[in-house]
C-alpha atoms as a PDB file:
ATOM      1  CA  MET A   1      -6.186  22.193  18.959  1.00  0.00           C
ATOM      2  CA  ILE A   2      -4.921  21.062  15.555  1.00  0.00           C
ATOM      3  CA  ILE A   3      -3.290  17.652  15.089  1.00  0.00           C
ATOM      4  CA  ARG A   4      -1.701  16.463  11.857  1.00  0.00           C
ATOM      5  CA  SER A   5      -0.514  13.071  10.688  1.00  0.00           C
ATOM      6  CA  ARG A   6       1.154  11.574   7.684  1.00  0.00           C
ATOM      7  CA  ALA A   7       1.788   7.964   6.733  1.00  0.00           C
ATOM      8  CA  PRO A   8       3.907   6.832   3.771  1.00  0.00           C
ATOM      9  CA  LEU A   9       2.699   4.895   0.746  1.00  0.00           C
ATOM     10  CA  ARG A  10       4.557   1.769  -0.264  1.00  0.00           C
ATOM     11  CA  ILE A  11       5.851  -0.272  -3.163  1.00  0.00           C
ATOM     12  CA  SER A  12       5.837  -4.048  -2.860  1.00  0.00           C
ATOM     13  CA  PHE A  13       8.771  -5.931  -4.351  1.00  0.00           C
ATOM     14  CA  GLY A  14       7.496  -9.457  -3.835  1.00  0.00           C
ATOM     15  CA  GLY A  15       5.002 -11.690  -2.068  1.00  0.00           C
ATOM     16  CA  GLY A  16       1.962  -9.468  -2.535  1.00  0.00           C
ATOM     17  CA  GLY A  17      -1.164 -11.603  -2.628  1.00  0.00           C
ATOM     18  CA  THR A  18       0.164 -14.232  -0.225  1.00  0.00           C
ATOM     19  CA  GLU A  19      -1.031 -12.066   2.702  1.00  0.00           C
ATOM     20  CA  VAL A  20      -4.661 -12.362   1.587  1.00  0.00           C
ATOM     21  CA  GLU A  21      -7.100 -14.701   3.328  1.00  0.00           C
ATOM     22  CA  PRO A  22      -7.573 -17.643   3.234  1.00  0.00           C
ATOM     23  CA  TYR A  23      -4.085 -18.319   1.848  1.00  0.00           C
ATOM     24  CA  LEU A  24      -2.546 -16.393   4.741  1.00  0.00           C
ATOM     25  CA  SER A  25      -4.126 -18.595   7.431  1.00  0.00           C
ATOM     26  CA  GLU A  26      -3.710 -21.877   5.577  1.00  0.00           C
ATOM     27  CA  ARG A  27      -0.191 -21.572   4.171  1.00  0.00           C
ATOM     28  CA  GLY A  28       1.308 -18.364   5.564  1.00  0.00           C
ATOM     29  CA  GLY A  29       2.445 -15.353   3.562  1.00  0.00           C
ATOM     30  CA  VAL A  30       5.553 -13.204   3.239  1.00  0.00           C
ATOM     31  CA  VAL A  31       6.023  -9.777   1.665  1.00  0.00           C
ATOM     32  CA  LEU A  32       9.041  -7.598   0.925  1.00  0.00           C
ATOM     33  CA  ASN A  33       8.177  -3.903   0.626  1.00  0.00           C
ATOM     34  CA  THR A  34       9.400  -0.390   1.276  1.00  0.00           C
ATOM     35  CA  THR A  35       7.773   2.969   1.884  1.00  0.00           C
ATOM     36  CA  ILE A  36       8.378   5.984  -0.335  1.00  0.00           C
ATOM     37  CA  ASP A  37       8.060   9.762  -0.083  1.00  0.00           C
ATOM     38  CA  ARG A  38       4.410   9.796  -1.112  1.00  0.00           C
ATOM     39  CA  TYR A  39       1.978  10.187   1.762  1.00  0.00           C
ATOM     40  CA  ALA A  40      -1.557  10.152   3.068  1.00  0.00           C
ATOM     41  CA  TYR A  41      -2.171  13.208   5.247  1.00  0.00           C
ATOM     42  CA  GLY A  42      -4.729  13.910   7.929  1.00  0.00           C
ATOM     43  CA  THR A  43      -5.639  16.951  10.011  1.00  0.00           C
ATOM     44  CA  LEU A  44      -7.923  16.930  13.058  1.00  0.00           C
ATOM     45  CA  ARG A  45      -9.247  20.215  14.453  1.00  0.00           C
ATOM     46  CA  LEU A  46     -11.617  20.500  17.375  1.00  0.00           C
ATOM     47  CA  ARG A  47     -14.854  22.433  16.920  1.00  0.00           C
ATOM     48  CA  ASP A  48     -16.905  24.507  19.326  1.00  0.00           C
ATOM     49  CA  ASP A  49     -20.181  22.876  18.275  1.00  0.00           C
ATOM     50  CA  ARG A  50     -21.436  19.272  18.191  1.00  0.00           C
ATOM     51  CA  GLN A  51     -20.711  18.622  14.546  1.00  0.00           C
ATOM     52  CA  ILE A  52     -18.382  16.323  12.639  1.00  0.00           C
ATOM     53  CA  SER A  53     -17.042  17.735   9.379  1.00  0.00           C
ATOM     54  CA  ILE A  54     -15.074  15.581   6.918  1.00  0.00           C
ATOM     55  CA  THR A  55     -13.265  17.025   3.901  1.00  0.00           C
ATOM     56  CA  SER A  56     -11.596  14.666   1.412  1.00  0.00           C
ATOM     57  CA  LEU A  57      -9.587  16.232  -1.399  1.00  0.00           C
ATOM     58  CA  ASP A  58      -9.109  12.828  -3.052  1.00  0.00           C
ATOM     59  CA  TYR A  59     -12.841  12.368  -3.558  1.00  0.00           C
ATOM     60  CA  ASP A  60     -13.674  16.107  -3.703  1.00  0.00           C
ATOM     61  CA  LEU A  61     -16.218  15.643  -0.913  1.00  0.00           C
ATOM     62  CA  VAL A  62     -17.274  17.628   2.132  1.00  0.00           C
ATOM     63  CA  ALA A  63     -19.694  15.969   4.551  1.00  0.00           C
ATOM     64  CA  ARG A  64     -21.152  17.118   7.862  1.00  0.00           C
ATOM     65  CA  TYR A  65     -22.877  15.073  10.552  1.00  0.00           C
ATOM     66  CA  LYS A  66     -24.372  15.644  13.977  1.00  0.00           C
ATOM     67  CA  LEU A  67     -22.189  14.306  16.757  1.00  0.00           C
ATOM     68  CA  ASP A  68     -24.988  12.508  18.606  1.00  0.00           C
ATOM     69  CA  GLU A  69     -26.393  10.738  15.540  1.00  0.00           C
ATOM     70  CA  PRO A  70     -25.097   7.460  14.016  1.00  0.00           C
ATOM     71  CA  LEU A  71     -22.764   7.931  11.070  1.00  0.00           C
ATOM     72  CA  PRO A  72     -24.502   6.331   8.069  1.00  0.00           C
ATOM     73  CA  TYR A  73     -22.646   3.974   5.739  1.00  0.00           C
ATOM     74  CA  ASP A  74     -23.920   5.340   2.436  1.00  0.00           C
ATOM     75  CA  GLY A  75     -20.974   4.937   0.080  1.00  0.00           C
ATOM     76  CA  ASN A  76     -19.479   8.329   0.902  1.00  0.00           C
ATOM     77  CA  LEU A  77     -16.330   8.340   3.059  1.00  0.00           C
ATOM     78  CA  ASP A  78     -17.397   5.100   4.764  1.00  0.00           C
ATOM     79  CA  LEU A  79     -13.825   4.162   5.732  1.00  0.00           C
ATOM     80  CA  VAL A  80     -13.431   7.481   7.518  1.00  0.00           C
ATOM     81  CA  LYS A  81     -16.723   6.926   9.330  1.00  0.00           C
ATOM     82  CA  ALA A  82     -15.602   3.450  10.363  1.00  0.00           C
ATOM     83  CA  VAL A  83     -12.508   4.915  12.046  1.00  0.00           C
ATOM     84  CA  ILE A  84     -14.621   7.524  13.821  1.00  0.00           C
ATOM     85  CA  ARG A  85     -17.055   4.847  15.026  1.00  0.00           C
ATOM     86  CA  ARG A  86     -14.180   2.804  16.448  1.00  0.00           C
ATOM     87  CA  LEU A  87     -12.172   5.606  18.049  1.00  0.00           C
ATOM     88  CA  ASN A  88     -14.662   8.378  18.746  1.00  0.00           C
ATOM     89  CA  GLY A  89     -17.548   6.238  19.970  1.00  0.00           C
ATOM     90  CA  GLY A  90     -19.369   7.652  22.960  1.00  0.00           C
ATOM     91  CA  ASN A  91     -18.086  11.190  22.419  1.00  0.00           C
ATOM     92  CA  THR A  92     -21.193  13.371  22.130  1.00  0.00           C
ATOM     93  CA  ASP A  93     -19.683  16.582  23.474  1.00  0.00           C
ATOM     94  CA  GLN A  94     -16.671  17.514  21.336  1.00  0.00           C
ATOM     95  CA  GLY A  95     -17.152  18.342  17.664  1.00  0.00           C
ATOM     96  CA  LEU A  96     -14.301  17.880  15.236  1.00  0.00           C
ATOM     97  CA  GLU A  97     -13.148  18.520  11.689  1.00  0.00           C
ATOM     98  CA  LEU A  98     -11.142  16.063   9.590  1.00  0.00           C
ATOM     99  CA  PHE A  99      -9.230  17.136   6.496  1.00  0.00           C
ATOM    100  CA  LEU A 100      -7.727  14.341   4.352  1.00  0.00           C
ATOM    101  CA  HIS A 101      -5.683  14.023   1.204  1.00  0.00           C
ATOM    102  CA  SER A 102      -3.185  11.695  -0.417  1.00  0.00           C
ATOM    103  CA  ASP A 103      -0.286  12.024  -2.856  1.00  0.00           C
ATOM    104  CA  ALA A 104      -1.679   9.174  -4.971  1.00  0.00           C
ATOM    105  CA  PRO A 105      -5.200   8.620  -6.273  1.00  0.00           C
ATOM    106  CA  PRO A 106      -7.407   5.772  -5.009  1.00  0.00           C
ATOM    107  CA  GLY A 107      -6.697   2.665  -7.065  1.00  0.00           C
ATOM    108  CA  SER A 108      -3.049   3.600  -7.539  1.00  0.00           C
ATOM    109  CA  GLY A 109      -1.623   0.337  -6.200  1.00  0.00           C
ATOM    110  CA  LEU A 110       0.471   2.172  -3.589  1.00  0.00           C
ATOM    111  CA  GLY A 111      -1.758   1.188  -0.666  1.00  0.00           C
ATOM    112  CA  SER A 112      -3.421   4.592  -0.433  1.00  0.00           C
ATOM    113  CA  SER A 113      -6.730   3.504   1.152  1.00  0.00           C
ATOM    114  CA  SER A 114      -5.070   1.580   3.973  1.00  0.00           C
ATOM    115  CA  THR A 115      -2.554   4.371   4.465  1.00  0.00           C
ATOM    116  CA  VAL A 116      -5.366   6.905   4.921  1.00  0.00           C
ATOM    117  CA  VAL A 117      -6.829   4.674   7.641  1.00  0.00           C
ATOM    118  CA  VAL A 118      -3.445   4.506   9.395  1.00  0.00           C
ATOM    119  CA  ALA A 119      -3.116   8.303   9.218  1.00  0.00           C
ATOM    120  CA  LEU A 120      -6.606   8.679  10.700  1.00  0.00           C
ATOM    121  CA  ILE A 121      -5.815   6.310  13.548  1.00  0.00           C
ATOM    122  CA  GLY A 122      -2.686   8.359  14.221  1.00  0.00           C
ATOM    123  CA  LEU A 123      -4.819  11.485  14.664  1.00  0.00           C
ATOM    124  CA  PHE A 124      -7.141   9.868  17.199  1.00  0.00           C
ATOM    125  CA  GLN A 125      -4.272   8.143  18.999  1.00  0.00           C
ATOM    126  CA  HIS A 126      -2.546  11.497  19.515  1.00  0.00           C
ATOM    127  CA  TRP A 127      -5.719  13.335  20.522  1.00  0.00           C
ATOM    128  CA  ARG A 128      -7.019  10.651  22.867  1.00  0.00           C
ATOM    129  CA  HIS A 129      -3.575   9.610  24.182  1.00  0.00           C
ATOM    130  CA  LEU A 130      -4.320   6.009  23.222  1.00  0.00           C
ATOM    131  CA  PRO A 131      -1.562   3.590  24.314  1.00  0.00           C
ATOM    132  CA  LEU A 132      -1.269   1.795  20.964  1.00  0.00           C
ATOM    133  CA  THR A 133       1.893   0.087  19.703  1.00  0.00           C
ATOM    134  CA  ASN A 134       2.760   0.050  16.009  1.00  0.00           C
ATOM    135  CA  TYR A 135       1.528  -3.531  15.801  1.00  0.00           C
ATOM    136  CA  GLU A 136      -1.777  -2.537  17.390  1.00  0.00           C
ATOM    137  CA  ILE A 137      -2.211   0.437  15.051  1.00  0.00           C
ATOM    138  CA  ALA A 138      -1.583  -1.705  11.969  1.00  0.00           C
ATOM    139  CA  ASP A 139      -3.896  -4.477  13.181  1.00  0.00           C
ATOM    140  CA  LEU A 140      -6.622  -1.970  14.048  1.00  0.00           C
ATOM    141  CA  ALA A 141      -6.365  -0.472  10.554  1.00  0.00           C
ATOM    142  CA  TYR A 142      -6.671  -3.979   9.093  1.00  0.00           C
ATOM    143  CA  GLN A 143      -9.692  -4.795  11.263  1.00  0.00           C
ATOM    144  CA  ILE A 144     -11.470  -1.568  10.309  1.00  0.00           C
ATOM    145  CA  GLU A 145     -10.862  -1.986   6.594  1.00  0.00           C
ATOM    146  CA  ARG A 146     -11.174  -5.731   6.107  1.00  0.00           C
ATOM    147  CA  VAL A 147     -13.517  -6.800   8.929  1.00  0.00           C
ATOM    148  CA  ASP A 148     -15.692  -3.795   9.829  1.00  0.00           C
ATOM    149  CA  MET A 149     -16.087  -2.632   6.226  1.00  0.00           C
ATOM    150  CA  GLY A 150     -15.611  -5.975   4.474  1.00  0.00           C
ATOM    151  CA  ILE A 151     -13.250  -4.478   1.868  1.00  0.00           C
ATOM    152  CA  LYS A 152     -11.279  -7.225   0.146  1.00  0.00           C
ATOM    153  CA  GLY A 153      -7.512  -6.999   0.278  1.00  0.00           C
ATOM    154  CA  GLY A 154      -4.323  -8.053   1.938  1.00  0.00           C
ATOM    155  CA  LYS A 155      -2.527  -7.208   5.137  1.00  0.00           C
ATOM    156  CA  GLN A 156       0.765  -5.626   4.090  1.00  0.00           C
ATOM    157  CA  ASP A 157      -0.353  -2.042   3.461  1.00  0.00           C
ATOM    158  CA  GLN A 158      -1.361  -1.293   7.046  1.00  0.00           C
ATOM    159  CA  TYR A 159       1.948  -2.560   8.437  1.00  0.00           C
ATOM    160  CA  ALA A 160       4.065  -0.805   5.807  1.00  0.00           C
ATOM    161  CA  ALA A 161       2.360   2.551   6.451  1.00  0.00           C
ATOM    162  CA  THR A 162       2.673   2.201  10.229  1.00  0.00           C
ATOM    163  CA  PHE A 163       6.256   0.932  10.491  1.00  0.00           C
ATOM    164  CA  GLY A 164       7.844   2.494   7.391  1.00  0.00           C
ATOM    165  CA  GLY A 165      11.163   1.566   5.782  1.00  0.00           C
ATOM    166  CA  PHE A 166      12.299  -1.673   4.177  1.00  0.00           C
ATOM    167  CA  ASN A 167      10.530  -4.622   5.783  1.00  0.00           C
ATOM    168  CA  PHE A 168      10.264  -8.352   5.268  1.00  0.00           C
ATOM    169  CA  ILE A 169       6.891  -9.163   6.814  1.00  0.00           C
ATOM    170  CA  GLU A 170       5.776 -12.674   7.767  1.00  0.00           C
ATOM    171  CA  PHE A 171       2.068 -13.436   8.104  1.00  0.00           C
ATOM    172  CA  THR A 172       0.510 -16.454   9.798  1.00  0.00           C
ATOM    173  CA  ARG A 173      -2.912 -17.219  11.209  1.00  0.00           C
ATOM    174  CA  ASP A 174      -1.790 -16.270  14.711  1.00  0.00           C
ATOM    175  CA  ALA A 175       0.777 -13.527  14.231  1.00  0.00           C
ATOM    176  CA  THR A 176       2.349 -10.925  11.991  1.00  0.00           C
ATOM    177  CA  ILE A 177       6.081 -10.327  12.337  1.00  0.00           C
ATOM    178  CA  VAL A 178       7.680  -7.207  10.851  1.00  0.00           C
ATOM    179  CA  ASN A 179      11.397  -7.714  10.196  1.00  0.00           C
ATOM    180  CA  PRO A 180      13.064  -4.330   9.518  1.00  0.00           C
ATOM    181  CA  LEU A 181      15.949  -4.760   7.069  1.00  0.00           C
ATOM    182  CA  ARG A 182      19.267  -3.036   7.685  1.00  0.00           C
ATOM    183  CA  VAL A 183      20.154  -2.490   4.048  1.00  0.00           C
ATOM    184  CA  PRO A 184      23.549  -0.764   3.563  1.00  0.00           C
ATOM    185  CA  TRP A 185      23.285   2.824   2.333  1.00  0.00           C
ATOM    186  CA  ASP A 186      25.350   2.171  -0.782  1.00  0.00           C
ATOM    187  CA  THR A 187      22.902  -0.573  -1.734  1.00  0.00           C
ATOM    188  CA  LEU A 188      19.909   1.722  -1.098  1.00  0.00           C
ATOM    189  CA  ASN A 189      21.474   4.473  -3.172  1.00  0.00           C
ATOM    190  CA  GLU A 190      22.216   2.122  -6.047  1.00  0.00           C
ATOM    191  CA  LEU A 191      18.750   0.573  -5.868  1.00  0.00           C
ATOM    192  CA  HIS A 192      17.150   4.013  -6.007  1.00  0.00           C
ATOM    193  CA  TYR A 193      19.428   5.082  -8.871  1.00  0.00           C
ATOM    194  CA  ASN A 194      18.346   2.125 -10.997  1.00  0.00           C
ATOM    195  CA  LEU A 195      14.636   1.979 -10.084  1.00  0.00           C
ATOM    196  CA  LEU A 196      12.093   3.689 -12.305  1.00  0.00           C
ATOM    197  CA  LEU A 197       8.549   4.335 -11.049  1.00  0.00           C
ATOM    198  CA  CYS A 198       5.766   5.197 -13.474  1.00  0.00           C
ATOM    199  CA  TYR A 199       2.022   5.717 -13.484  1.00  0.00           C
ATOM    200  CA  THR A 200       0.294   3.577 -16.090  1.00  0.00           C
ATOM    201  CA  GLY A 201      -2.445   6.140 -16.672  1.00  0.00           C
ATOM    202  CA  GLN A 202      -5.241   3.933 -15.390  1.00  0.00           C
ATOM    203  CA  THR A 203      -6.592   3.064 -11.943  1.00  0.00           C
ATOM    204  CA  ARG A 204      -8.372  -0.125 -10.941  1.00  0.00           C
ATOM    205  CA  LEU A 205     -10.661  -1.698  -8.345  1.00  0.00           C
ATOM    206  CA  SER A 206      -8.385  -4.106  -6.512  1.00  0.00           C
ATOM    207  CA  ALA A 207     -11.269  -5.889  -4.759  1.00  0.00           C
ATOM    208  CA  ARG A 208     -12.456  -7.453  -8.029  1.00  0.00           C
ATOM    209  CA  ILE A 209      -9.001  -8.785  -8.805  1.00  0.00           C
ATOM    210  CA  ILE A 210      -8.632 -10.144  -5.286  1.00  0.00           C
ATOM    211  CA  ASP A 211     -12.070 -11.802  -5.523  1.00  0.00           C
ATOM    212  CA  THR A 212     -10.868 -13.726  -8.572  1.00  0.00           C
ATOM    213  CA  GLN A 213      -7.571 -14.616  -6.940  1.00  0.00           C
ATOM    214  CA  VAL A 214      -9.304 -15.918  -3.809  1.00  0.00           C
ATOM    215  CA  GLU A 215     -11.907 -17.846  -5.812  1.00  0.00           C
ATOM    216  CA  ARG A 216      -9.227 -19.601  -7.863  1.00  0.00           C
ATOM    217  CA  TYR A 217      -7.260 -20.416  -4.711  1.00  0.00           C
ATOM    218  CA  VAL A 218     -10.336 -21.786  -2.908  1.00  0.00           C
ATOM    219  CA  GLN A 219     -11.025 -23.946  -5.966  1.00  0.00           C
ATOM    220  CA  ARG A 220      -7.475 -25.283  -5.510  1.00  0.00           C
ATOM    221  CA  GLN A 221      -6.465 -24.471  -9.056  1.00  0.00           C
ATOM    222  CA  GLU A 222      -3.020 -25.989  -9.303  1.00  0.00           C
ATOM    223  CA  ASP A 223      -1.457 -23.167 -11.306  1.00  0.00           C
ATOM    224  CA  VAL A 224      -2.585 -20.590  -8.740  1.00  0.00           C
ATOM    225  CA  LEU A 225      -1.328 -22.660  -5.802  1.00  0.00           C
ATOM    226  CA  ARG A 226       2.080 -23.061  -7.418  1.00  0.00           C
ATOM    227  CA  ALA A 227       2.243 -19.379  -8.335  1.00  0.00           C
ATOM    228  CA  MET A 228       1.499 -18.225  -4.788  1.00  0.00           C
ATOM    229  CA  ASP A 229       3.938 -20.688  -3.229  1.00  0.00           C
ATOM    230  CA  GLU A 230       6.624 -19.566  -5.676  1.00  0.00           C
ATOM    231  CA  LEU A 231       5.872 -15.911  -4.902  1.00  0.00           C
ATOM    232  CA  LYS A 232       6.831 -16.566  -1.285  1.00  0.00           C
ATOM    233  CA  GLN A 233      10.101 -18.181  -2.365  1.00  0.00           C
ATOM    234  CA  VAL A 234      10.880 -15.282  -4.689  1.00  0.00           C
ATOM    235  CA  ALA A 235      10.114 -12.739  -1.931  1.00  0.00           C
ATOM    236  CA  THR A 236      12.618 -14.484   0.338  1.00  0.00           C
ATOM    237  CA  ALA A 237      15.193 -14.590  -2.450  1.00  0.00           C
ATOM    238  CA  LEU A 238      14.624 -10.868  -3.130  1.00  0.00           C
ATOM    239  CA  LYS A 239      15.280 -10.095   0.522  1.00  0.00           C
ATOM    240  CA  ASN A 240      18.523 -12.096   0.494  1.00  0.00           C
ATOM    241  CA  THR A 241      19.858 -10.483  -2.683  1.00  0.00           C
ATOM    242  CA  LEU A 242      18.983  -7.027  -1.354  1.00  0.00           C
ATOM    243  CA  LEU A 243      20.859  -7.606   1.906  1.00  0.00           C
ATOM    244  CA  ARG A 244      23.862  -8.907  -0.025  1.00  0.00           C
ATOM    245  CA  GLY A 245      23.816  -6.004  -2.472  1.00  0.00           C
ATOM    246  CA  LYS A 246      23.392  -8.241  -5.543  1.00  0.00           C
ATOM    247  CA  LEU A 247      21.066  -5.877  -7.334  1.00  0.00           C
ATOM    248  CA  ASP A 248      21.243  -7.350 -10.840  1.00  0.00           C
ATOM    249  CA  ASP A 249      19.986 -10.587  -9.285  1.00  0.00           C
ATOM    250  CA  PHE A 250      17.348  -8.511  -7.506  1.00  0.00           C
ATOM    251  CA  GLY A 251      16.176  -7.130 -10.856  1.00  0.00           C
ATOM    252  CA  ALA A 252      16.003 -10.579 -12.411  1.00  0.00           C
ATOM    253  CA  LEU A 253      13.964 -11.866  -9.460  1.00  0.00           C
ATOM    254  CA  LEU A 254      11.472  -9.018  -9.927  1.00  0.00           C
ATOM    255  CA  HIS A 255      10.782 -10.507 -13.360  1.00  0.00           C
ATOM    256  CA  GLU A 256      10.085 -13.892 -11.752  1.00  0.00           C
ATOM    257  CA  ALA A 257       7.773 -12.217  -9.240  1.00  0.00           C
ATOM    258  CA  TRP A 258       5.805 -10.548 -12.045  1.00  0.00           C
ATOM    259  CA  ILE A 259       5.447 -13.761 -14.056  1.00  0.00           C
ATOM    260  CA  ASN A 260       4.089 -15.605 -11.005  1.00  0.00           C
ATOM    261  CA  LYS A 261       1.842 -12.735  -9.974  1.00  0.00           C
ATOM    262  CA  LYS A 262       0.138 -12.711 -13.363  1.00  0.00           C
ATOM    263  CA  ARG A 263      -0.752 -16.377 -12.926  1.00  0.00           C
ATOM    264  CA  MET A 264      -3.013 -15.619  -9.945  1.00  0.00           C
ATOM    265  CA  ALA A 265      -5.797 -13.794 -11.849  1.00  0.00           C
ATOM    266  CA  PRO A 266      -6.299 -12.768 -15.488  1.00  0.00           C
ATOM    267  CA  GLN A 267      -7.231  -9.168 -14.564  1.00  0.00           C
ATOM    268  CA  ILE A 268      -3.810  -8.491 -13.033  1.00  0.00           C
ATOM    269  CA  SER A 269      -2.490  -7.448 -16.432  1.00  0.00           C
ATOM    270  CA  ASP A 270      -3.955  -6.316 -19.735  1.00  0.00           C
ATOM    271  CA  GLY A 271      -2.725  -5.336 -23.196  1.00  0.00           C
ATOM    272  CA  HIS A 272      -1.537  -1.897 -22.118  1.00  0.00           C
ATOM    273  CA  ILE A 273       0.303  -3.152 -19.048  1.00  0.00           C
ATOM    274  CA  ASP A 274       1.897  -6.009 -21.009  1.00  0.00           C
ATOM    275  CA  GLU A 275       3.046  -3.544 -23.663  1.00  0.00           C
ATOM    276  CA  LEU A 276       4.599  -1.278 -21.024  1.00  0.00           C
ATOM    277  CA  TYR A 277       6.356  -4.197 -19.390  1.00  0.00           C
ATOM    278  CA  GLU A 278       7.702  -5.767 -22.568  1.00  0.00           C
ATOM    279  CA  THR A 279       8.838  -2.384 -23.872  1.00  0.00           C
ATOM    280  CA  ALA A 280      10.707  -1.690 -20.639  1.00  0.00           C
ATOM    281  CA  ARG A 281      12.394  -5.089 -20.778  1.00  0.00           C
ATOM    282  CA  LYS A 282      13.325  -4.625 -24.417  1.00  0.00           C
ATOM    283  CA  HIS A 283      15.053  -1.310 -23.708  1.00  0.00           C
ATOM    284  CA  GLY A 284      17.037  -2.200 -20.595  1.00  0.00           C
ATOM    285  CA  ALA A 285      14.859  -3.173 -17.616  1.00  0.00           C
ATOM    286  CA  LEU A 286      15.945  -6.402 -15.934  1.00  0.00           C
ATOM    287  CA  GLY A 287      12.551  -6.814 -14.282  1.00  0.00           C
ATOM    288  CA  GLY A 288       9.664  -5.025 -12.674  1.00  0.00           C
ATOM    289  CA  LYS A 289       6.038  -5.343 -11.675  1.00  0.00           C
ATOM    290  CA  ILE A 290       2.786  -3.661 -10.759  1.00  0.00           C
ATOM    291  CA  THR A 291       2.968  -2.081  -7.298  1.00  0.00           C
ATOM    292  CA  GLY A 292      -0.380  -3.407  -6.021  1.00  0.00           C
ATOM    293  CA  ALA A 293      -3.059  -5.958  -6.848  1.00  0.00           C
ATOM    294  CA  GLY A 294      -2.795  -5.211 -10.571  1.00  0.00           C
ATOM    295  CA  GLY A 295      -4.954  -3.938 -13.382  1.00  0.00           C
ATOM    296  CA  GLY A 296      -3.449  -0.442 -13.357  1.00  0.00           C
ATOM    297  CA  GLY A 297      -1.953   2.105 -11.030  1.00  0.00           C
ATOM    298  CA  TYR A 298       1.830   2.308 -10.714  1.00  0.00           C
ATOM    299  CA  MET A 299       4.564   0.045 -12.073  1.00  0.00           C
ATOM    300  CA  PHE A 300       8.258   0.029 -11.280  1.00  0.00           C
ATOM    301  CA  PHE A 301      11.296  -1.373 -13.086  1.00  0.00           C
ATOM    302  CA  TYR A 302      14.864  -2.160 -12.143  1.00  0.00           C
ATOM    303  CA  CYS A 303      16.970  -0.931 -15.056  1.00  0.00           C
ATOM    304  CA  GLN A 304      20.545  -1.126 -16.218  1.00  0.00           C
ATOM    305  CA  PHE A 305      21.932   2.241 -15.133  1.00  0.00           C
ATOM    306  CA  ASP A 306      22.905   3.337 -18.658  1.00  0.00           C
ATOM    307  CA  LYS A 307      19.567   2.251 -20.119  1.00  0.00           C
ATOM    308  CA  LYS A 308      17.192   3.756 -17.562  1.00  0.00           C
ATOM    309  CA  HIS A 309      16.696   6.970 -19.541  1.00  0.00           C
ATOM    310  CA  HIS A 310      15.849   4.952 -22.667  1.00  0.00           C
ATOM    311  CA  VAL A 311      13.288   2.946 -20.701  1.00  0.00           C
ATOM    312  CA  ALA A 312      11.745   6.175 -19.390  1.00  0.00           C
ATOM    313  CA  GLU A 313      11.495   7.649 -22.892  1.00  0.00           C
ATOM    314  CA  GLN A 314       9.803   4.552 -24.292  1.00  0.00           C
ATOM    315  CA  LEU A 315       7.320   4.291 -21.427  1.00  0.00           C
ATOM    316  CA  GLU A 316       6.334   7.933 -21.784  1.00  0.00           C
ATOM    317  CA  ARG A 317       5.909   7.405 -25.523  1.00  0.00           C
ATOM    318  CA  LEU A 318       3.292   4.789 -24.612  1.00  0.00           C
ATOM    319  CA  GLY A 319       1.439   7.206 -22.325  1.00  0.00           C
ATOM    320  CA  ALA A 320       2.944   6.310 -18.948  1.00  0.00           C
ATOM    321  CA  GLN A 321       4.104   9.051 -16.596  1.00  0.00           C
ATOM    322  CA  VAL A 322       7.530   8.629 -14.983  1.00  0.00           C
ATOM    323  CA  VAL A 323       7.499   9.797 -11.354  1.00  0.00           C
ATOM    324  CA  ASP A 324      10.418  10.950  -9.204  1.00  0.00           C
ATOM    325  CA  PHE A 325      10.502   9.377  -5.757  1.00  0.00           C
ATOM    326  CA  SER A 326      12.754   8.589  -2.824  1.00  0.00           C
ATOM    327  CA  PHE A 327      12.628   5.969  -0.110  1.00  0.00           C
ATOM    328  CA  ASP A 328      11.133   7.023   3.221  1.00  0.00           C
ATOM    329  CA  LEU A 329      12.450   5.054   6.163  1.00  0.00           C
ATOM    330  CA  ARG A 330       9.955   6.404   8.717  1.00  0.00           C
ATOM    331  CA  GLY A 331       6.388   5.273   9.197  1.00  0.00           C
ATOM    332  CA  LEU A 332       3.375   7.004  10.716  1.00  0.00           C
ATOM    333  CA  GLN A 333       4.097  10.426  12.233  1.00  0.00           C
ATOM    334  CA  THR A 334       1.760  12.724  14.158  1.00  0.00           C
ATOM    335  CA  TRP A 335       2.265  16.200  15.626  1.00  0.00           C
ATOM    336  CA  GLU A 336       0.414  19.142  17.092  1.00  0.00           C
ATOM    337  CA  VAL A 337       0.319  22.510  15.404  1.00  0.00           C
ATOM    338  CA  ARG A 338       1.325  25.285  17.768  1.00  0.00           C
ATOM    339  CA  GLN A 339      -0.899  28.331  17.440  1.00  0.00           C
END
């Protein structure tokens, strides 16, 4: 039996950082995001022996373990092992192979790590016929990554990868509510036409940035509190302008989101990122931002339609790589390969 899965990566328009503890539980967070046609892929194939084999193209690693021995957390593929521990526990009879890869490198800011976890859960759900809802899959991915493994980060990536599409997600201590947005197709087409996605040329470790953000929030630094509260307001305003098709206002609000995001931690931007952003704005971008925690990875910009090509030229002159993309309105998908 061969089972495959894919889950889409995401870009976050606004509110990112407000779904990180302890802000989430104390003040509640909101995020506006969408998934794109970049994916994390997984393949599960059953073996005839009592071995577990894991191949990761992203990390260029192949690891093999005995089925009846504990999987060691040793810094190699620990997230994958955490999923296996949760969903394959007690199975000492059926060996399996896992083959994993992603369309974006780790540290890209597109939620790739969380998306890989969602894709893995999809494999085991299909194989084991687990009666999991989308909410349960996303929460399980969050628990594995943030609780079991203690990896710092927010809560939006798991829900975006599972549900897919344009979502306005509300986070409180007791619940997460995913609000799918019914954005008119002409608005989606125009948004896509004017958006420019680029790779900055550098990756980052988001956990360090999030550590600083959380520390400054816990210290009740006034500028950070105001920035995070304003990020929630901007995310709501972004949602409203998107639904109304007022995309120039949407672009201007992205600029507000970026200004407030940078106030949360000094590592969110640096000289190279600032130069990319200011150059884009100078040549026709109304606004934009980093797609993840910051420090590198991907950026996107909402441009005036007749200036977008100028923005692209200037960004590439500075070493950024412009990337073609489309929106993907579906979330996690799994299927069996017929042999």
